[in-house]
């Protein structure tokens, strides 16, 4: 939805590619992404057993696990891309 809003405002990909105002915050964003991924893996693979009637209905494990691994791959690609791109483009 956000790219559509930017496109509607006339912001192109070339302008967004030159936006470096958030570059100093990249380590914070990466740490936050890894923190959320870690919490997701903990919830999927280390979920405590629940025996009472107040237990929530379990999520579909196959879909959740596939989505979590997909997000982990996307984060890994996004983090390593600035280091691999010069090698691919040269």
N, C-alpha and C. Protein backbone atom coordinates (compact mmCIF):
# COMPACT_ATOMS: atom_id res chain seq x y z
N UNK A 1 0.82 -1.19 0.00
CA UNK A 1 0.00 0.00 0.00
C UNK A 1 0.86 1.25 0.00
N UNK A 2 1.96 1.23 0.76
CA UNK A 2 2.82 2.40 0.85
C UNK A 2 3.46 2.76 -0.50
N UNK A 3 3.95 1.78 -1.29
CA UNK A 3 4.48 2.17 -2.60
C UNK A 3 3.43 2.82 -3.50
N UNK A 4 2.18 2.37 -3.39
CA UNK A 4 1.11 2.99 -4.18
C UNK A 4 0.89 4.43 -3.75
N UNK A 5 0.98 4.70 -2.47
CA UNK A 5 0.84 6.07 -1.98
C UNK A 5 1.98 6.94 -2.49
N UNK A 6 3.20 6.41 -2.42
CA UNK A 6 4.34 7.16 -2.95
C UNK A 6 4.19 7.43 -4.44
N UNK A 7 3.75 6.44 -5.19
CA UNK A 7 3.55 6.61 -6.62
C UNK A 7 2.48 7.67 -6.89
N UNK A 8 1.42 7.64 -6.10
CA UNK A 8 0.35 8.64 -6.26
C UNK A 8 0.83 10.05 -5.96
N UNK A 9 1.81 10.18 -5.08
CA UNK A 9 2.36 11.50 -4.77
C UNK A 9 3.45 11.92 -5.73
N UNK A 10 3.80 11.06 -6.67
CA UNK A 10 4.80 11.41 -7.67
C UNK A 10 6.22 11.06 -7.26
N UNK A 11 6.38 10.27 -6.24
CA UNK A 11 7.71 9.86 -5.79
C UNK A 11 8.11 8.63 -6.58
N UNK A 12 9.23 8.72 -7.27
CA UNK A 12 9.65 7.59 -8.10
C UNK A 12 10.70 6.75 -7.38
N UNK A 13 11.00 5.60 -7.95
CA UNK A 13 11.99 4.71 -7.38
C UNK A 13 13.38 5.30 -7.38
N UNK A 14 13.69 6.13 -8.37
CA UNK A 14 15.01 6.76 -8.43
C UNK A 14 15.20 7.72 -7.26
N UNK A 15 14.17 8.44 -6.91
CA UNK A 15 14.28 9.36 -5.78
C UNK A 15 14.42 8.59 -4.47
N UNK A 16 13.63 7.54 -4.31
CA UNK A 16 13.70 6.75 -3.09
C UNK A 16 15.06 6.07 -2.97
N UNK A 17 15.64 5.66 -4.09
CA UNK A 17 16.96 5.03 -4.07
C UNK A 17 18.05 5.97 -3.59
N UNK A 18 17.87 7.27 -3.79
CA UNK A 18 18.86 8.25 -3.35
C UNK A 18 18.59 8.76 -1.93
N UNK A 19 17.54 8.31 -1.31
CA UNK A 19 17.20 8.74 0.04
C UNK A 19 18.15 8.08 1.03
N UNK A 20 18.99 8.87 1.65
CA UNK A 20 19.97 8.33 2.60
C UNK A 20 19.78 8.87 3.99
N UNK A 21 18.67 9.50 4.27
CA UNK A 21 18.45 10.09 5.59
C UNK A 21 18.32 9.02 6.67
N UNK A 22 17.86 7.83 6.31
CA UNK A 22 17.69 6.77 7.29
C UNK A 22 18.90 5.84 7.39
N UNK A 23 19.95 6.09 6.62
CA UNK A 23 21.13 5.23 6.62
C UNK A 23 21.78 5.11 8.00
N UNK A 24 21.86 6.18 8.80
CA UNK A 24 22.48 6.00 10.12
C UNK A 24 21.70 5.06 11.04
N UNK A 25 20.43 4.85 10.76
CA UNK A 25 19.60 4.00 11.61
C UNK A 25 19.57 2.54 11.13
N UNK A 26 20.34 2.21 10.10
CA UNK A 26 20.32 0.85 9.56
C UNK A 26 20.66 -0.21 10.60
N UNK A 27 21.68 -0.03 11.44
CA UNK A 27 21.94 -1.07 12.45
C UNK A 27 20.75 -1.28 13.41
N UNK A 28 20.05 -0.22 13.74
CA UNK A 28 18.89 -0.34 14.60
C UNK A 28 17.77 -1.13 13.92
N UNK A 29 17.55 -0.85 12.63
CA UNK A 29 16.53 -1.59 11.88
C UNK A 29 16.90 -3.06 11.74
N UNK A 30 18.17 -3.34 11.49
CA UNK A 30 18.62 -4.73 11.35
C UNK A 30 18.47 -5.47 12.67
N UNK A 31 18.86 -4.83 13.77
CA UNK A 31 18.72 -5.47 15.09
C UNK A 31 17.26 -5.72 15.43
N UNK A 32 16.39 -4.78 15.08
CA UNK A 32 14.96 -4.96 15.34
C UNK A 32 14.41 -6.11 14.50
N UNK A 33 14.81 -6.19 13.24
CA UNK A 33 14.34 -7.28 12.37
C UNK A 33 14.80 -8.63 12.91
N UNK A 34 16.06 -8.73 13.32
CA UNK A 34 16.56 -9.99 13.88
C UNK A 34 15.88 -10.31 15.21
N UNK A 35 15.58 -9.29 15.98
CA UNK A 35 14.85 -9.52 17.24
C UNK A 35 13.46 -10.09 16.99
N UNK A 36 12.74 -9.51 16.03
CA UNK A 36 11.42 -10.03 15.70
C UNK A 36 11.50 -11.44 15.12
N UNK A 37 12.50 -11.69 14.28
CA UNK A 37 12.66 -13.04 13.75
C UNK A 37 12.98 -14.04 14.87
N UNK A 38 13.83 -13.63 15.80
CA UNK A 38 14.14 -14.50 16.93
C UNK A 38 12.91 -14.80 17.77
N UNK A 39 12.09 -13.79 18.01
CA UNK A 39 10.86 -14.01 18.76
C UNK A 39 9.91 -14.92 17.99
N UNK A 40 9.86 -14.76 16.69
CA UNK A 40 9.01 -15.62 15.87
C UNK A 40 9.47 -17.07 15.89
N UNK A 41 10.78 -17.29 15.77
CA UNK A 41 11.29 -18.66 15.83
C UNK A 41 11.07 -19.26 17.21
N UNK A 42 11.21 -18.45 18.26
CA UNK A 42 10.97 -18.96 19.59
C UNK A 42 9.51 -19.38 19.76
N UNK A 43 8.60 -18.58 19.22
CA UNK A 43 7.18 -18.92 19.36
C UNK A 43 6.80 -20.13 18.52
N UNK A 44 7.46 -20.32 17.39
CA UNK A 44 7.11 -21.46 16.53
C UNK A 44 7.73 -22.75 17.05
N UNK A 45 9.01 -22.71 17.42
CA UNK A 45 9.71 -23.94 17.76
C UNK A 45 9.82 -24.22 19.26
N UNK A 46 9.64 -23.23 20.11
CA UNK A 46 9.75 -23.42 21.56
C UNK A 46 8.46 -23.03 22.28
N UNK A 47 7.34 -23.23 21.63
CA UNK A 47 6.05 -22.86 22.21
C UNK A 47 5.76 -23.75 23.42
N UNK A 48 5.46 -23.15 24.58
CA UNK A 48 5.15 -23.99 25.74
C UNK A 48 3.82 -24.70 25.57
N UNK A 49 3.75 -25.91 26.10
CA UNK A 49 2.51 -26.68 26.02
C UNK A 49 1.46 -26.07 26.94
N UNK A 50 0.23 -26.12 26.51
CA UNK A 50 -0.87 -25.57 27.28
C UNK A 50 -1.91 -26.66 27.46
N UNK A 51 -2.33 -26.88 28.71
CA UNK A 51 -3.26 -27.97 29.00
C UNK A 51 -4.65 -27.50 29.38
N UNK A 52 -4.81 -26.24 29.73
CA UNK A 52 -6.09 -25.76 30.25
C UNK A 52 -7.08 -25.40 29.15
N UNK A 53 -8.30 -25.10 29.57
CA UNK A 53 -9.33 -24.72 28.58
C UNK A 53 -9.14 -23.31 28.03
N UNK A 54 -8.29 -22.50 28.64
CA UNK A 54 -8.08 -21.13 28.18
C UNK A 54 -6.96 -21.03 27.16
N UNK A 55 -6.51 -22.15 26.64
CA UNK A 55 -5.43 -22.14 25.65
C UNK A 55 -5.95 -21.61 24.32
N UNK A 56 -5.16 -20.77 23.67
CA UNK A 56 -5.60 -20.28 22.36
C UNK A 56 -5.55 -21.38 21.32
N UNK A 57 -6.35 -21.22 20.29
CA UNK A 57 -6.35 -22.18 19.20
C UNK A 57 -5.02 -22.10 18.47
N UNK A 58 -4.36 -23.22 18.23
CA UNK A 58 -3.05 -23.16 17.56
C UNK A 58 -3.19 -22.69 16.11
N UNK A 59 -2.20 -21.92 15.71
CA UNK A 59 -2.17 -21.44 14.33
C UNK A 59 -1.78 -22.59 13.41
N UNK A 60 -2.13 -22.49 12.13
CA UNK A 60 -1.71 -23.54 11.19
C UNK A 60 -0.18 -23.57 11.10
N UNK A 61 0.40 -24.62 11.61
CA UNK A 61 1.84 -24.70 11.74
C UNK A 61 2.59 -24.61 10.42
N UNK A 62 2.10 -25.26 9.41
CA UNK A 62 2.81 -25.29 8.13
C UNK A 62 2.86 -23.89 7.50
N UNK A 63 1.76 -23.17 7.55
CA UNK A 63 1.70 -21.82 6.98
C UNK A 63 2.57 -20.86 7.78
N UNK A 64 2.49 -20.92 9.09
CA UNK A 64 3.27 -20.03 9.94
C UNK A 64 4.76 -20.29 9.78
N UNK A 65 5.14 -21.55 9.75
CA UNK A 65 6.55 -21.90 9.61
C UNK A 65 7.09 -21.46 8.25
N UNK A 66 6.33 -21.68 7.20
CA UNK A 66 6.77 -21.27 5.86
C UNK A 66 6.88 -19.75 5.77
N UNK A 67 5.94 -19.04 6.36
CA UNK A 67 5.99 -17.58 6.34
C UNK A 67 7.18 -17.05 7.13
N UNK A 68 7.45 -17.68 8.26
CA UNK A 68 8.59 -17.25 9.08
C UNK A 68 9.90 -17.48 8.35
N UNK A 69 10.06 -18.64 7.72
CA UNK A 69 11.29 -18.89 6.96
C UNK A 69 11.39 -17.97 5.74
N UNK A 70 10.26 -17.67 5.11
CA UNK A 70 10.28 -16.71 3.99
C UNK A 70 10.72 -15.33 4.45
N UNK A 71 10.22 -14.89 5.59
CA UNK A 71 10.63 -13.59 6.13
C UNK A 71 12.11 -13.59 6.51
N UNK A 72 12.59 -14.71 7.04
CA UNK A 72 14.00 -14.81 7.39
C UNK A 72 14.89 -14.71 6.15
N UNK A 73 14.47 -15.35 5.07
CA UNK A 73 15.24 -15.26 3.82
C UNK A 73 15.22 -13.82 3.29
N UNK A 74 14.07 -13.17 3.32
CA UNK A 74 13.99 -11.78 2.84
C UNK A 74 14.87 -10.85 3.67
N UNK A 75 14.87 -11.02 4.98
CA UNK A 75 15.72 -10.18 5.84
C UNK A 75 17.19 -10.47 5.55
N UNK A 76 17.55 -11.73 5.38
CA UNK A 76 18.95 -12.07 5.08
C UNK A 76 19.38 -11.47 3.74
N UNK A 77 18.53 -11.51 2.74
CA UNK A 77 18.85 -10.91 1.45
C UNK A 77 19.00 -9.39 1.58
N UNK A 78 18.08 -8.77 2.32
CA UNK A 78 18.14 -7.32 2.48
C UNK A 78 19.38 -6.88 3.24
N UNK A 79 19.81 -7.67 4.21
CA UNK A 79 20.99 -7.31 5.00
C UNK A 79 22.28 -7.52 4.21
N UNK A 80 22.36 -8.61 3.44
CA UNK A 80 23.59 -8.90 2.72
C UNK A 80 23.69 -8.23 1.36
N UNK A 81 22.59 -7.70 0.84
CA UNK A 81 22.61 -7.12 -0.51
C UNK A 81 23.62 -5.98 -0.66
N UNK A 82 23.74 -5.04 0.27
CA UNK A 82 24.73 -3.97 0.07
C UNK A 82 26.17 -4.46 -0.03
N UNK A 83 26.45 -5.63 0.54
CA UNK A 83 27.81 -6.16 0.49
C UNK A 83 28.05 -7.03 -0.76
N UNK A 84 26.99 -7.64 -1.27
CA UNK A 84 27.11 -8.53 -2.41
C UNK A 84 26.91 -7.78 -3.74
N UNK A 85 26.15 -6.70 -3.72
CA UNK A 85 25.84 -5.98 -4.95
C UNK A 85 27.09 -5.47 -5.69
N UNK A 86 28.08 -4.89 -5.02
CA UNK A 86 29.28 -4.48 -5.78
C UNK A 86 29.99 -5.64 -6.47
N UNK A 87 29.96 -6.81 -5.86
CA UNK A 87 30.61 -7.96 -6.47
C UNK A 87 29.84 -8.43 -7.72
N UNK A 88 28.52 -8.32 -7.66
CA UNK A 88 27.70 -8.73 -8.79
C UNK A 88 27.71 -7.73 -9.94
N UNK A 89 27.83 -6.45 -9.61
CA UNK A 89 27.74 -5.40 -10.63
C UNK A 89 29.08 -5.03 -11.23
N UNK A 90 30.16 -5.50 -10.67
CA UNK A 90 31.48 -5.12 -11.22
C UNK A 90 31.99 -6.11 -12.22
